[in-house]
Amino acid sequence: MFKKIVNYCKACYDELAHKTTWPTRSELTHSAMVVLSASLIIALVVFVMDLVFKNCMTLVYNLFS
């Protein structure tokens, strides 16, 4: 049982250290900037939609009060 666990850990290390291709620093930076930009754009869209909905609901509440 212990030998199976050790073999599994060795196989995992071998795959991570030798068989996996890791992104370069510039690729990683570019991907992070894309994710950050998309997150900010989505947050801005949600903020504007919330603001518009709030103002519409305020108008509706004032009309029926």
PDB file of N, CA and C in Angstrom:
ATOM      1  N   MET A   1       0.835  -1.200   0.000  1.00  0.00           N
ATOM      2  CA  MET A   1       0.000   0.000   0.000  1.00  0.00           C
ATOM      3  C   MET A   1       0.872   1.254   0.000  1.00  0.00           C
ATOM      4  N   PHE A   2       1.880   1.297   0.885  1.00  0.00           N
ATOM      5  CA  PHE A   2       2.766   2.456   0.973  1.00  0.00           C
ATOM      6  C   PHE A   2       3.549   2.650  -0.322  1.00  0.00           C
ATOM      7  N   LYS A   3       3.925   1.545  -0.953  1.00  0.00           N
ATOM      8  CA  LYS A   3       4.690   1.593  -2.195  1.00  0.00           C
ATOM      9  C   LYS A   3       3.861   2.202  -3.331  1.00  0.00           C
ATOM     10  N   LYS A   4       2.568   1.909  -3.350  1.00  0.00           N
ATOM     11  CA  LYS A   4       1.675   2.494  -4.362  1.00  0.00           C
ATOM     12  C   LYS A   4       1.590   4.004  -4.209  1.00  0.00           C
ATOM     13  N   ILE A   5       1.516   4.470  -2.977  1.00  0.00           N
ATOM     14  CA  ILE A   5       1.435   5.912  -2.723  1.00  0.00           C
ATOM     15  C   ILE A   5       2.726   6.592  -3.153  1.00  0.00           C
ATOM     16  N   VAL A   6       3.863   5.982  -2.833  1.00  0.00           N
ATOM     17  CA  VAL A   6       5.160   6.549  -3.221  1.00  0.00           C
ATOM     18  C   VAL A   6       5.281   6.589  -4.743  1.00  0.00           C
ATOM     19  N   ASN A   7       4.886   5.520  -5.416  1.00  0.00           N
ATOM     20  CA  ASN A   7       4.938   5.487  -6.879  1.00  0.00           C
ATOM     21  C   ASN A   7       4.024   6.544  -7.492  1.00  0.00           C
ATOM     22  N   TYR A   8       2.861   6.721  -6.901  1.00  0.00           N
ATOM     23  CA  TYR A   8       1.927   7.743  -7.386  1.00  0.00           C
ATOM     24  C   TYR A   8       2.530   9.132  -7.243  1.00  0.00           C
ATOM     25  N   CYS A   9       3.141   9.427  -6.104  1.00  0.00           N
ATOM     26  CA  CYS A   9       3.763  10.735  -5.875  1.00  0.00           C
ATOM     27  C   CYS A   9       4.923  10.960  -6.842  1.00  0.00           C
ATOM     28  N   LYS A  10       5.722   9.919  -7.093  1.00  0.00           N
ATOM     29  CA  LYS A  10       6.821  10.033  -8.048  1.00  0.00           C
ATOM     30  C   LYS A  10       6.298  10.304  -9.456  1.00  0.00           C
ATOM     31  N   ALA A  11       5.223   9.636  -9.837  1.00  0.00           N
ATOM     32  CA  ALA A  11       4.641   9.839 -11.165  1.00  0.00           C
ATOM     33  C   ALA A  11       4.079  11.254 -11.302  1.00  0.00           C
ATOM     34  N   CYS A  12       3.456  11.745 -10.236  1.00  0.00           N
ATOM     35  CA  CYS A  12       2.933  13.117 -10.262  1.00  0.00           C
ATOM     36  C   CYS A  12       4.062  14.124 -10.404  1.00  0.00           C
ATOM     37  N   TYR A  13       5.125  13.942  -9.643  1.00  0.00           N
ATOM     38  CA  TYR A  13       6.269  14.845  -9.731  1.00  0.00           C
ATOM     39  C   TYR A  13       6.895  14.791 -11.116  1.00  0.00           C
ATOM     40  N   ASP A  14       7.062  13.608 -11.664  1.00  0.00           N
ATOM     41  CA  ASP A  14       7.660  13.454 -12.987  1.00  0.00           C
ATOM     42  C   ASP A  14       6.830  14.176 -14.045  1.00  0.00           C
ATOM     43  N   GLU A  15       5.508  14.052 -13.957  1.00  0.00           N
ATOM     44  CA  GLU A  15       4.652  14.724 -14.933  1.00  0.00           C
ATOM     45  C   GLU A  15       4.727  16.238 -14.783  1.00  0.00           C
ATOM     46  N   LEU A  16       4.695  16.737 -13.553  1.00  0.00           N
ATOM     47  CA  LEU A  16       4.747  18.181 -13.343  1.00  0.00           C
ATOM     48  C   LEU A  16       6.109  18.769 -13.696  1.00  0.00           C
ATOM     49  N   ALA A  17       7.173  18.038 -13.421  1.00  0.00           N
ATOM     50  CA  ALA A  17       8.510  18.584 -13.634  1.00  0.00           C
ATOM     51  C   ALA A  17       9.001  18.416 -15.062  1.00  0.00           C
ATOM     52  N   HIS A  18       8.591  17.348 -15.744  1.00  0.00           N
ATOM     53  CA  HIS A  18       9.196  17.043 -17.033  1.00  0.00           C
ATOM     54  C   HIS A  18       8.227  17.001 -18.212  1.00  0.00           C
ATOM     55  N   LYS A  19       6.974  16.736 -17.975  1.00  0.00           N
ATOM     56  CA  LYS A  19       6.040  16.558 -19.091  1.00  0.00           C
ATOM     57  C   LYS A  19       5.095  17.737 -19.280  1.00  0.00           C
ATOM     58  N   THR A  20       5.012  18.619 -18.306  1.00  0.00           N
ATOM     59  CA  THR A  20       4.115  19.752 -18.385  1.00  0.00           C
ATOM     60  C   THR A  20       4.846  20.942 -18.992  1.00  0.00           C
ATOM     61  N   THR A  21       4.175  21.636 -19.909  1.00  0.00           N
ATOM     62  CA  THR A  21       4.760  22.864 -20.452  1.00  0.00           C
ATOM     63  C   THR A  21       4.150  24.047 -19.708  1.00  0.00           C
ATOM     64  N   TRP A  22       4.980  24.835 -19.092  1.00  0.00           N
ATOM     65  CA  TRP A  22       4.541  25.974 -18.313  1.00  0.00           C
ATOM     66  C   TRP A  22       4.619  27.228 -19.166  1.00  0.00           C
ATOM     67  N   PRO A  23       3.711  28.180 -18.967  1.00  0.00           N
ATOM     68  CA  PRO A  23       3.764  29.417 -19.763  1.00  0.00           C
ATOM     69  C   PRO A  23       4.980  30.266 -19.373  1.00  0.00           C
ATOM     70  N   THR A  24       5.423  31.060 -20.330  1.00  0.00           N
ATOM     71  CA  THR A  24       6.520  31.978 -20.034  1.00  0.00           C
ATOM     72  C   THR A  24       5.983  33.132 -19.210  1.00  0.00           C
ATOM     73  N   ARG A  25       6.896  33.916 -18.674  1.00  0.00           N
ATOM     74  CA  ARG A  25       6.490  35.055 -17.846  1.00  0.00           C
ATOM     75  C   ARG A  25       5.656  36.063 -18.653  1.00  0.00           C
ATOM     76  N   SER A  26       6.052  36.303 -19.899  1.00  0.00           N
ATOM     77  CA  SER A  26       5.301  37.265 -20.720  1.00  0.00           C
ATOM     78  C   SER A  26       3.911  36.727 -21.068  1.00  0.00           C
ATOM     79  N   GLU A  27       3.799  35.426 -21.340  1.00  0.00           N
ATOM     80  CA  GLU A  27       2.482  34.830 -21.606  1.00  0.00           C
ATOM     81  C   GLU A  27       1.592  34.922 -20.374  1.00  0.00           C
ATOM     82  N   LEU A  28       2.177  34.672 -19.234  1.00  0.00           N
ATOM     83  CA  LEU A  28       1.417  34.732 -17.983  1.00  0.00           C
ATOM     84  C   LEU A  28       0.957  36.152 -17.681  1.00  0.00           C
ATOM     85  N   THR A  29       1.848  37.118 -17.911  1.00  0.00           N
ATOM     86  CA  THR A  29       1.494  38.525 -17.697  1.00  0.00           C
ATOM     87  C   THR A  29       0.389  38.951 -18.648  1.00  0.00           C
ATOM     88  N   HIS A  30       0.504  38.550 -19.909  1.00  0.00           N
ATOM     89  CA  HIS A  30      -0.523  38.906 -20.893  1.00  0.00           C
ATOM     90  C   HIS A  30      -1.877  38.303 -20.509  1.00  0.00           C
ATOM     91  N   SER A  31      -1.880  37.040 -20.118  1.00  0.00           N
ATOM     92  CA  SER A  31      -3.134  36.388 -19.717  1.00  0.00           C
ATOM     93  C   SER A  31      -3.740  37.059 -18.491  1.00  0.00           C
ATOM     94  N   ALA A  32      -2.900  37.437 -17.543  1.00  0.00           N
ATOM     95  CA  ALA A  32      -3.396  38.112 -16.340  1.00  0.00           C
ATOM     96  C   ALA A  32      -4.010  39.460 -16.690  1.00  0.00           C
ATOM     97  N   MET A  33      -3.399  40.182 -17.619  1.00  0.00           N
ATOM     98  CA  MET A  33      -3.938  41.484 -18.025  1.00  0.00           C
ATOM     99  C   MET A  33      -5.271  41.326 -18.755  1.00  0.00           C
ATOM    100  N   VAL A  34      -5.397  40.280 -19.555  1.00  0.00           N
ATOM    101  CA  VAL A  34      -6.661  40.023 -20.242  1.00  0.00           C
ATOM    102  C   VAL A  34      -7.762  39.735 -19.225  1.00  0.00           C
ATOM    103  N   VAL A  35      -7.463  38.905 -18.242  1.00  0.00           N
ATOM    104  CA  VAL A  35      -8.454  38.575 -17.205  1.00  0.00           C
ATOM    105  C   VAL A  35      -8.814  39.814 -16.385  1.00  0.00           C
ATOM    106  N   LEU A  36      -7.822  40.615 -16.030  1.00  0.00           N
ATOM    107  CA  LEU A  36      -8.073  41.831 -15.262  1.00  0.00           C
ATOM    108  C   LEU A  36      -8.933  42.806 -16.055  1.00  0.00           C
ATOM    109  N   SER A  37      -8.619  42.995 -17.322  1.00  0.00           N
ATOM    110  CA  SER A  37      -9.399  43.908 -18.167  1.00  0.00           C
ATOM    111  C   SER A  37     -10.837  43.427 -18.321  1.00  0.00           C
ATOM    112  N   ALA A  38     -11.008  42.145 -18.591  1.00  0.00           N
ATOM    113  CA  ALA A  38     -12.360  41.605 -18.747  1.00  0.00           C
ATOM    114  C   ALA A  38     -13.153  41.739 -17.447  1.00  0.00           C
ATOM    115  N   SER A  39     -12.508  41.505 -16.314  1.00  0.00           N
ATOM    116  CA  SER A  39     -13.190  41.632 -15.021  1.00  0.00           C
ATOM    117  C   SER A  39     -13.631  43.061 -14.768  1.00  0.00           C
ATOM    118  N   LEU A  40     -12.775  44.018 -15.098  1.00  0.00           N
ATOM    119  CA  LEU A  40     -13.133  45.426 -14.903  1.00  0.00           C
ATOM    120  C   LEU A  40     -14.276  45.848 -15.823  1.00  0.00           C
ATOM    121  N   ILE A  41     -14.248  45.383 -17.063  1.00  0.00           N
ATOM    122  CA  ILE A  41     -15.325  45.716 -18.000  1.00  0.00           C
ATOM    123  C   ILE A  41     -16.645  45.129 -17.534  1.00  0.00           C
ATOM    124  N   ILE A  42     -16.627  43.879 -17.105  1.00  0.00           N
ATOM    125  CA  ILE A  42     -17.860  43.248 -16.619  1.00  0.00           C
ATOM    126  C   ILE A  42     -18.372  43.954 -15.367  1.00  0.00           C
ATOM    127  N   ALA A  43     -17.468  44.322 -14.468  1.00  0.00           N
ATOM    128  CA  ALA A  43     -17.877  45.042 -13.260  1.00  0.00           C
ATOM    129  C   ALA A  43     -18.502  46.389 -13.617  1.00  0.00           C
ATOM    130  N   LEU A  44     -17.936  47.072 -14.598  1.00  0.00           N
ATOM    131  CA  LEU A  44     -18.486  48.353 -15.033  1.00  0.00           C
ATOM    132  C   LEU A  44     -19.871  48.185 -15.652  1.00  0.00           C
ATOM    133  N   VAL A  45     -20.040  47.147 -16.467  1.00  0.00           N
ATOM    134  CA  VAL A  45     -21.347  46.881 -17.082  1.00  0.00           C
ATOM    135  C   VAL A  45     -22.391  46.576 -16.007  1.00  0.00           C
ATOM    136  N   VAL A  46     -22.030  45.762 -15.032  1.00  0.00           N
ATOM    137  CA  VAL A  46     -22.973  45.430 -13.955  1.00  0.00           C
ATOM    138  C   VAL A  46     -23.308  46.678 -13.138  1.00  0.00           C
ATOM    139  N   PHE A  47     -22.316  47.529 -12.881  1.00  0.00           N
ATOM    140  CA  PHE A  47     -22.560  48.761 -12.139  1.00  0.00           C
ATOM    141  C   PHE A  47     -23.535  49.665 -12.883  1.00  0.00           C
ATOM    142  N   VAL A  48     -23.330  49.835 -14.190  1.00  0.00           N
ATOM    143  CA  VAL A  48     -24.219  50.691 -14.983  1.00  0.00           C
ATOM    144  C   VAL A  48     -25.620  50.108 -15.028  1.00  0.00           C
ATOM    145  N   MET A  49     -25.735  48.793 -15.217  1.00  0.00           N
ATOM    146  CA  MET A  49     -27.059  48.170 -15.230  1.00  0.00           C
ATOM    147  C   MET A  49     -27.765  48.346 -13.895  1.00  0.00           C
ATOM    148  N   ASP A  50     -27.032  48.229 -12.799  1.00  0.00           N
ATOM    149  CA  ASP A  50     -27.611  48.413 -11.468  1.00  0.00           C
ATOM    150  C   ASP A  50     -28.078  49.855 -11.281  1.00  0.00           C
ATOM    151  N   LEU A  51     -27.285  50.802 -11.745  1.00  0.00           N
ATOM    152  CA  LEU A  51     -27.642  52.211 -11.630  1.00  0.00           C
ATOM    153  C   LEU A  51     -28.897  52.521 -12.435  1.00  0.00           C
ATOM    154  N   VAL A  52     -28.969  52.012 -13.653  1.00  0.00           N
ATOM    155  CA  VAL A  52     -30.145  52.239 -14.499  1.00  0.00           C
ATOM    156  C   VAL A  52     -31.379  51.592 -13.866  1.00  0.00           C
ATOM    157  N   PHE A  53     -31.253  50.371 -13.391  1.00  0.00           N
ATOM    158  CA  PHE A  53     -32.390  49.691 -12.772  1.00  0.00           C
ATOM    159  C   PHE A  53     -32.864  50.431 -11.527  1.00  0.00           C
ATOM    160  N   LYS A  54     -31.914  50.910 -10.715  1.00  0.00           N
ATOM    161  CA  LYS A  54     -32.275  51.657  -9.506  1.00  0.00           C
ATOM    162  C   LYS A  54     -33.048  52.920  -9.861  1.00  0.00           C
ATOM    163  N   ASN A  55     -32.572  53.652 -10.873  1.00  0.00           N
ATOM    164  CA  ASN A  55     -33.253  54.878 -11.267  1.00  0.00           C
ATOM    165  C   ASN A  55     -34.627  54.601 -11.859  1.00  0.00           C
ATOM    166  N   CYS A  56     -34.763  53.527 -12.643  1.00  0.00           N
ATOM    167  CA  CYS A  56     -36.072  53.156 -13.194  1.00  0.00           C
ATOM    168  C   CYS A  56     -37.046  52.777 -12.085  1.00  0.00           C
ATOM    169  N   MET A  57     -36.571  52.021 -11.118  1.00  0.00           N
ATOM    170  CA  MET A  57     -37.454  51.614 -10.026  1.00  0.00           C
ATOM    171  C   MET A  57     -37.834  52.811  -9.154  1.00  0.00           C
ATOM    172  N   THR A  58     -36.918  53.742  -8.953  1.00  0.00           N
ATOM    173  CA  THR A  58     -37.246  54.951  -8.201  1.00  0.00           C
ATOM    174  C   THR A  58     -38.323  55.743  -8.921  1.00  0.00           C
ATOM    175  N   LEU A  59     -38.218  55.844 -10.253  1.00  0.00           N
ATOM    176  CA  LEU A  59     -39.219  56.540 -11.024  1.00  0.00           C
ATOM    177  C   LEU A  59     -40.577  55.852 -10.915  1.00  0.00           C
ATOM    178  N   VAL A  60     -40.591  54.532 -11.005  1.00  0.00           N
ATOM    179  CA  VAL A  60     -41.845  53.776 -10.894  1.00  0.00           C
ATOM    180  C   VAL A  60     -42.450  53.951  -9.512  1.00  0.00           C
ATOM    181  N   TYR A  61     -41.643  53.871  -8.460  1.00  0.00           N
ATOM    182  CA  TYR A  61     -42.150  54.033  -7.103  1.00  0.00           C
ATOM    183  C   TYR A  61     -42.702  55.437  -6.879  1.00  0.00           C
ATOM    184  N   ASN A  62     -42.078  56.431  -7.447  1.00  0.00           N
ATOM    185  CA  ASN A  62     -42.555  57.809  -7.288  1.00  0.00           C
ATOM    186  C   ASN A  62     -43.844  58.040  -8.063  1.00  0.00           C
ATOM    187  N   LEU A  63     -44.037  57.351  -9.180  1.00  0.00           N
ATOM    188  CA  LEU A  63     -45.269  57.497  -9.955  1.00  0.00           C
ATOM    189  C   LEU A  63     -46.471  56.888  -9.239  1.00  0.00           C
ATOM    190  N   PHE A  64     -46.247  55.780  -8.522  1.00  0.00           N
ATOM    191  CA  PHE A  64     -47.358  55.082  -7.874  1.00  0.00           C
ATOM    192  C   PHE A  64     -47.470  55.369  -6.382  1.00  0.00           C
ATOM    193  N   SER A  65     -46.739  56.366  -5.893  1.00  0.00           N
ATOM    194  CA  SER A  65     -46.840  56.706  -4.462  1.00  0.00           C
ATOM    195  C   SER A  65     -47.755  57.887  -4.260  1.00  0.00           C
TER     196      SER A  65
END
